[in-house]
Every structure is written in C-alpha cells, then in structure tokens.
Amino acid sequence: MAFSSQNSKASKMGKGNISSPLSAGASKISKATPRLKVNRINFGNRRVISSPALESQSKTISLIENKLSETNRILVGIQKQLAQDYEARIADEKNKYEKLNQEKSKQNLLLRKVH
C-alpha cells in the first residue's frame, strides 16, 4: 500500500480551519488592544504643584511643629527649675556639713582646754 501524495494535499493550520469552543471568545479578546496610562512629568520648570491635600498636610505639620516647640519650651523651663533646686539642695547640705564640722571642732577645743 503506497500512499499517493498526488491525490491529497497537506492542509495548513490557520484561524479559519481550527474549531474550538474557545475560539469565539478568543477573537473578541484579540481585537482589544491594551491601553497604558502614562503620567508625564516635566522637570524643566521645577514648579511644585500645590494641591489641597498637600496644603492640609503642611498645615498639620505646622501645627505639630508649634506644639513640639511649646512642649520643648516647657521642658527647658522644668529643666532649669530642677537644676536650681538641685543646686539649692547641694548648697544646704554643704552648709549643714560645715556647721557640723565647726561644732565638732569647738567641742574638741573645749575638751582640750579642760584636760
């Protein structure tokens, strides 16, 4: 049995001769071309675009900075008061120590004079 190539032609595969249940949906998908949205940024003029969101954010930052600076001023005041209190305590302790030493030295002198 010999095949005769003269009587049969080899068929080529293509869109028209393939049948598939998905081929109807595929043709609809293939016709739609995807569109990309591109944001263009121009750095030539270097302008800052102001928006309501940026303005409200800068106002919020400004309020926070004001609150922080006020808090810092309060803390510096507290630090100064603590430093003054500490110095006063040290001075009091030093005075007490000096008075005790003077009293001891007086007592020692009195004891020496008596003996």
N, C-alpha and C. Protein backbone atom coordinates (compact mmCIF):
# COMPACT_ATOMS: atom_id res chain seq x y z
N MET A 1 0.82 -1.16 0.00
CA MET A 1 0.00 0.00 0.00
C MET A 1 0.87 1.23 0.00
N ALA A 2 0.76 1.87 -0.96
CA ALA A 2 1.53 3.09 -1.11
C ALA A 2 0.59 4.26 -1.07
N PHE A 3 1.03 5.26 -0.37
CA PHE A 3 0.23 6.49 -0.28
C PHE A 3 0.58 7.34 -1.47
N SER A 4 -0.40 7.86 -2.03
CA SER A 4 -0.12 8.74 -3.15
C SER A 4 -0.24 10.18 -2.69
N SER A 5 0.83 10.91 -2.83
CA SER A 5 0.85 12.30 -2.40
C SER A 5 0.22 13.19 -3.44
N GLN A 6 -0.04 12.65 -4.55
CA GLN A 6 -0.62 13.45 -5.61
C GLN A 6 -2.08 13.73 -5.36
N ASN A 7 -2.81 12.78 -4.76
CA ASN A 7 -4.23 12.95 -4.56
C ASN A 7 -4.58 13.80 -3.33
N SER A 8 -3.76 13.78 -2.31
CA SER A 8 -4.10 14.53 -1.09
C SER A 8 -3.09 15.67 -0.88
N LYS A 9 -3.61 16.77 -0.53
CA LYS A 9 -2.77 17.91 -0.23
C LYS A 9 -2.73 18.08 1.28
N ALA A 10 -1.57 18.43 1.78
CA ALA A 10 -1.46 18.68 3.21
C ALA A 10 -2.09 20.03 3.50
N SER A 11 -2.97 20.04 4.49
CA SER A 11 -3.64 21.31 4.82
C SER A 11 -2.83 22.06 5.88
N LYS A 12 -2.80 23.34 5.74
CA LYS A 12 -2.09 24.17 6.68
C LYS A 12 -3.03 24.60 7.79
N MET A 13 -2.48 24.76 8.97
CA MET A 13 -3.30 25.21 10.09
C MET A 13 -3.41 26.73 10.04
N GLY A 14 -4.59 27.21 10.34
CA GLY A 14 -4.82 28.64 10.35
C GLY A 14 -6.05 28.96 11.17
N LYS A 15 -6.39 30.25 11.24
CA LYS A 15 -7.55 30.67 12.04
C LYS A 15 -8.85 30.09 11.49
N GLY A 16 -8.92 29.97 10.22
CA GLY A 16 -10.17 29.56 9.60
C GLY A 16 -10.49 28.08 9.73
N ASN A 17 -9.48 27.21 9.79
CA ASN A 17 -9.76 25.79 9.77
C ASN A 17 -9.69 25.13 11.15
N ILE A 18 -9.51 25.90 12.22
CA ILE A 18 -9.49 25.32 13.56
C ILE A 18 -10.81 25.66 14.23
N SER A 19 -11.45 24.64 14.79
CA SER A 19 -12.69 24.90 15.50
C SER A 19 -12.50 24.54 16.97
N SER A 20 -12.90 25.45 17.82
CA SER A 20 -12.76 25.25 19.25
C SER A 20 -13.86 26.03 19.95
N PRO A 21 -14.32 25.55 21.10
CA PRO A 21 -15.34 26.33 21.81
C PRO A 21 -14.78 27.66 22.34
N LEU A 22 -13.49 27.74 22.47
CA LEU A 22 -12.88 28.97 22.97
C LEU A 22 -12.55 29.96 21.87
N SER A 23 -12.65 29.51 20.61
CA SER A 23 -12.24 30.38 19.52
C SER A 23 -13.15 31.59 19.35
N ALA A 24 -14.41 31.49 19.72
CA ALA A 24 -15.31 32.63 19.59
C ALA A 24 -14.91 33.73 20.59
N GLY A 25 -14.57 33.35 21.82
CA GLY A 25 -14.14 34.33 22.82
C GLY A 25 -12.75 34.86 22.54
N ALA A 26 -11.91 34.05 21.91
CA ALA A 26 -10.55 34.46 21.64
C ALA A 26 -10.51 35.58 20.62
N SER A 27 -11.41 35.55 19.66
CA SER A 27 -11.40 36.60 18.65
C SER A 27 -11.81 37.94 19.26
N LYS A 28 -12.71 37.91 20.25
CA LYS A 28 -13.11 39.15 20.90
C LYS A 28 -11.96 39.72 21.74
N ILE A 29 -11.22 38.85 22.38
CA ILE A 29 -10.12 39.30 23.23
C ILE A 29 -8.98 39.84 22.37
N SER A 30 -8.70 39.17 21.28
CA SER A 30 -7.56 39.56 20.47
C SER A 30 -7.77 40.92 19.79
N LYS A 31 -9.00 41.33 19.57
CA LYS A 31 -9.24 42.62 18.92
C LYS A 31 -9.00 43.79 19.88
N ALA A 32 -9.15 43.57 21.19
CA ALA A 32 -8.95 44.65 22.15
C ALA A 32 -7.46 44.82 22.42
N THR A 33 -6.96 46.01 22.21
CA THR A 33 -5.55 46.27 22.49
C THR A 33 -5.45 46.97 23.84
N PRO A 34 -4.53 46.54 24.66
CA PRO A 34 -4.40 47.17 25.98
C PRO A 34 -3.88 48.60 25.88
N ARG A 35 -4.44 49.48 26.69
CA ARG A 35 -4.01 50.87 26.73
C ARG A 35 -3.29 51.13 28.05
N LEU A 36 -2.14 51.71 27.97
CA LEU A 36 -1.39 52.06 29.17
C LEU A 36 -1.54 53.55 29.44
N LYS A 37 -1.82 53.87 30.70
CA LYS A 37 -1.91 55.28 31.07
C LYS A 37 -0.53 55.72 31.54
N VAL A 38 -0.02 56.75 30.93
CA VAL A 38 1.32 57.22 31.24
C VAL A 38 1.20 58.62 31.85
N ASN A 39 1.79 58.80 33.02
CA ASN A 39 1.87 60.12 33.62
C ASN A 39 3.18 60.75 33.19
N ARG A 40 3.10 61.90 32.63
CA ARG A 40 4.30 62.58 32.17
C ARG A 40 4.68 63.64 33.20
N ILE A 41 5.97 63.66 33.52
CA ILE A 41 6.49 64.60 34.50
C ILE A 41 7.51 65.48 33.80
N ASN A 42 7.33 66.78 33.92
CA ASN A 42 8.26 67.71 33.31
C ASN A 42 9.13 68.31 34.41
N PHE A 43 10.42 68.05 34.35
CA PHE A 43 11.35 68.57 35.34
C PHE A 43 12.00 69.87 34.88
N GLY A 44 11.62 70.37 33.74
CA GLY A 44 12.27 71.55 33.19
C GLY A 44 12.02 72.81 34.01
N ASN A 45 10.79 73.06 34.41
CA ASN A 45 10.49 74.30 35.12
C ASN A 45 10.57 74.14 36.63
N ARG A 46 10.59 72.93 37.14
CA ARG A 46 10.74 72.63 38.56
C ARG A 46 9.75 73.37 39.44
N ARG A 47 8.52 73.45 39.03
CA ARG A 47 7.48 74.05 39.86
C ARG A 47 6.88 72.98 40.75
N VAL A 48 6.50 73.39 41.92
CA VAL A 48 5.82 72.49 42.84
C VAL A 48 4.33 72.72 42.67
N ILE A 49 3.63 71.67 42.39
CA ILE A 49 2.18 71.78 42.21
C ILE A 49 1.52 71.73 43.57
N SER A 50 0.69 72.70 43.83
CA SER A 50 0.00 72.78 45.11
C SER A 50 -1.35 72.09 44.99
N SER A 51 -1.64 71.27 45.95
CA SER A 51 -2.93 70.60 45.96
C SER A 51 -3.53 70.75 47.35
N PRO A 52 -4.84 70.61 47.48
CA PRO A 52 -5.46 70.73 48.81
C PRO A 52 -4.91 69.72 49.81
N ALA A 53 -4.56 68.54 49.34
CA ALA A 53 -4.02 67.53 50.25
C ALA A 53 -2.66 67.96 50.78
N LEU A 54 -1.82 68.52 49.91
CA LEU A 54 -0.51 68.98 50.35
C LEU A 54 -0.63 70.17 51.29
N GLU A 55 -1.57 71.07 51.02
CA GLU A 55 -1.76 72.24 51.88
C GLU A 55 -2.23 71.81 53.26
N SER A 56 -3.18 70.88 53.32
CA SER A 56 -3.67 70.43 54.63
C SER A 56 -2.57 69.67 55.37
N GLN A 57 -1.75 68.94 54.63
CA GLN A 57 -0.65 68.21 55.26
C GLN A 57 0.38 69.19 55.81
N SER A 58 0.68 70.26 55.07
CA SER A 58 1.64 71.24 55.56
C SER A 58 1.08 72.01 56.76
N LYS A 59 -0.22 72.26 56.78
CA LYS A 59 -0.84 72.90 57.95
C LYS A 59 -0.75 71.99 59.17
N THR A 60 -0.98 70.70 58.96
CA THR A 60 -0.89 69.74 60.05
C THR A 60 0.53 69.68 60.59
N ILE A 61 1.50 69.67 59.69
CA ILE A 61 2.91 69.63 60.10
C ILE A 61 3.25 70.91 60.87
N SER A 62 2.74 72.05 60.40
CA SER A 62 3.00 73.32 61.08
C SER A 62 2.41 73.31 62.49
N LEU A 63 1.20 72.79 62.64
CA LEU A 63 0.58 72.70 63.97
C LEU A 63 1.38 71.79 64.89
N ILE A 64 1.83 70.68 64.36
CA ILE A 64 2.63 69.74 65.15
C ILE A 64 3.95 70.39 65.57
N GLU A 65 4.58 71.12 64.64
CA GLU A 65 5.84 71.79 64.98
C GLU A 65 5.62 72.83 66.07
N ASN A 66 4.50 73.57 66.00
CA ASN A 66 4.21 74.56 67.04
C ASN A 66 4.00 73.89 68.39
N LYS A 67 3.28 72.78 68.40
CA LYS A 67 3.06 72.06 69.66
C LYS A 67 4.37 71.51 70.22
N LEU A 68 5.21 71.00 69.34
CA LEU A 68 6.50 70.46 69.79
C LEU A 68 7.41 71.56 70.34
N SER A 69 7.42 72.71 69.69
CA SER A 69 8.27 73.80 70.19
C SER A 69 7.76 74.31 71.53
N GLU A 70 6.43 74.38 71.71
CA GLU A 70 5.87 74.78 73.01
C GLU A 70 6.22 73.75 74.09
N THR A 71 6.11 72.48 73.76
CA THR A 71 6.48 71.42 74.70
C THR A 71 7.96 71.51 75.06
N ASN A 72 8.78 71.80 74.06
CA ASN A 72 10.22 71.93 74.30
C ASN A 72 10.49 73.11 75.24
N ARG A 73 9.80 74.23 75.05
CA ARG A 73 9.99 75.38 75.94
C ARG A 73 9.60 75.02 77.37
N ILE A 74 8.51 74.30 77.53
CA ILE A 74 8.06 73.88 78.86
C ILE A 74 9.10 72.97 79.51
N LEU A 75 9.62 72.02 78.74
CA LEU A 75 10.62 71.09 79.28
C LEU A 75 11.91 71.81 79.66
N VAL A 76 12.31 72.81 78.88
CA VAL A 76 13.51 73.58 79.21
C VAL A 76 13.29 74.33 80.52
N GLY A 77 12.08 74.90 80.71
CA GLY A 77 11.75 75.57 81.96
C GLY A 77 11.81 74.62 83.15
N ILE A 78 11.28 73.42 82.97
CA ILE A 78 11.31 72.41 84.04
C ILE A 78 12.76 72.03 84.34
N GLN A 79 13.57 71.88 83.30
CA GLN A 79 14.97 71.53 83.49
C GLN A 79 15.69 72.61 84.31
N LYS A 80 15.42 73.88 84.01
CA LYS A 80 16.06 74.97 84.75
C LYS A 80 15.63 74.95 86.22
N GLN A 81 14.33 74.70 86.46
CA GLN A 81 13.84 74.64 87.85
C GLN A 81 14.48 73.49 88.61
N LEU A 82 14.61 72.34 87.95
CA LEU A 82 15.25 71.19 88.60
C LEU A 82 16.72 71.48 88.91
N ALA A 83 17.40 72.14 87.98
CA ALA A 83 18.81 72.48 88.20
C ALA A 83 18.95 73.43 89.39
N GLN A 84 18.06 74.43 89.48
CA GLN A 84 18.11 75.37 90.60
C GLN A 84 17.83 74.66 91.92
N ASP A 85 16.84 73.76 91.90
CA ASP A 85 16.50 73.00 93.11
C ASP A 85 17.68 72.13 93.54
N TYR A 86 18.32 71.49 92.59
CA TYR A 86 19.46 70.63 92.89
C TYR A 86 20.60 71.45 93.49
N GLU A 87 20.89 72.61 92.88
CA GLU A 87 21.95 73.47 93.40
C GLU A 87 21.63 73.95 94.81
N ALA A 88 20.37 74.28 95.05
CA ALA A 88 19.97 74.73 96.39
C ALA A 88 20.14 73.60 97.41
N ARG A 89 19.77 72.39 97.05
CA ARG A 89 19.93 71.25 97.95
C ARG A 89 21.40 70.99 98.26
N ILE A 90 22.23 71.07 97.23
CA ILE A 90 23.67 70.85 97.42
C ILE A 90 24.22 71.93 98.35
N ALA A 91 23.81 73.17 98.13
CA ALA A 91 24.30 74.27 98.98
C ALA A 91 23.84 74.07 100.43
N ASP A 92 22.59 73.64 100.65
CA ASP A 92 22.09 73.37 102.01
C ASP A 92 22.89 72.26 102.69
N GLU A 93 23.12 71.18 101.94
CA GLU A 93 23.89 70.07 102.51
C GLU A 93 25.31 70.51 102.86
N LYS A 94 25.89 71.33 102.01
CA LYS A 94 27.25 71.82 102.27
C LYS A 94 27.26 72.69 103.53
N ASN A 95 26.26 73.57 103.67
CA ASN A 95 26.18 74.42 104.87
C ASN A 95 25.99 73.58 106.13
N LYS A 96 25.14 72.56 106.07
CA LYS A 96 24.93 71.69 107.24
C LYS A 96 26.23 70.97 107.62
N TYR A 97 26.93 70.49 106.60
CA TYR A 97 28.18 69.77 106.84
C TYR A 97 29.22 70.70 107.49
N GLU A 98 29.30 71.94 106.97
CA GLU A 98 30.25 72.91 107.52
C GLU A 98 29.88 73.26 108.97
N LYS A 99 28.61 73.43 109.27
CA LYS A 99 28.17 73.75 110.64
C LYS A 99 28.50 72.60 111.60
N LEU A 100 28.26 71.37 111.14
CA LEU A 100 28.60 70.21 111.98
C LEU A 100 30.10 70.15 112.26
N ASN A 101 30.89 70.41 111.24
CA ASN A 101 32.35 70.40 111.42
C ASN A 101 32.79 71.50 112.39
N GLN A 102 32.19 72.68 112.30
CA GLN A 102 32.53 73.78 113.20
C GLN A 102 32.17 73.42 114.65
N GLU A 103 31.01 72.81 114.83
CA GLU A 103 30.58 72.41 116.17
C GLU A 103 31.52 71.35 116.75
N LYS A 104 31.92 70.39 115.91
CA LYS A 104 32.84 69.35 116.37
C LYS A 104 34.18 69.95 116.76
N SER A 105 34.65 70.88 115.92
CA SER A 105 35.95 71.49 116.24
C SER A 105 35.86 72.32 117.53
N LYS A 106 34.75 73.00 117.79
CA LYS A 106 34.56 73.74 119.04
C LYS A 106 34.55 72.80 120.24
N GLN A 107 33.85 71.67 120.08
CA GLN A 107 33.79 70.69 121.18
C GLN A 107 35.17 70.12 121.47
N ASN A 108 35.93 69.86 120.40
CA ASN A 108 37.29 69.33 120.58
C ASN A 108 38.18 70.36 121.29
N LEU A 109 38.03 71.63 120.94
CA LEU A 109 38.81 72.66 121.61
C LEU A 109 38.45 72.78 123.09
N LEU A 110 37.15 72.70 123.38
CA LEU A 110 36.72 72.77 124.78
C LEU A 110 37.24 71.58 125.57
N LEU A 111 37.22 70.38 124.93
CA LEU A 111 37.72 69.20 125.62
C LEU A 111 39.22 69.30 125.87
N ARG A 112 39.97 69.87 124.96
CA ARG A 112 41.41 70.04 125.13
C ARG A 112 41.74 71.04 126.25
N LYS A 113 40.94 72.09 126.32
CA LYS A 113 41.17 73.10 127.35
C LYS A 113 40.88 72.54 128.74
N VAL A 114 39.90 71.67 128.83
CA VAL A 114 39.52 71.10 130.12
C VAL A 114 40.59 70.11 130.57
N HIS A 115 41.18 69.40 129.72
CA HIS A 115 42.17 68.38 130.11
C HIS A 115 43.46 68.98 130.33
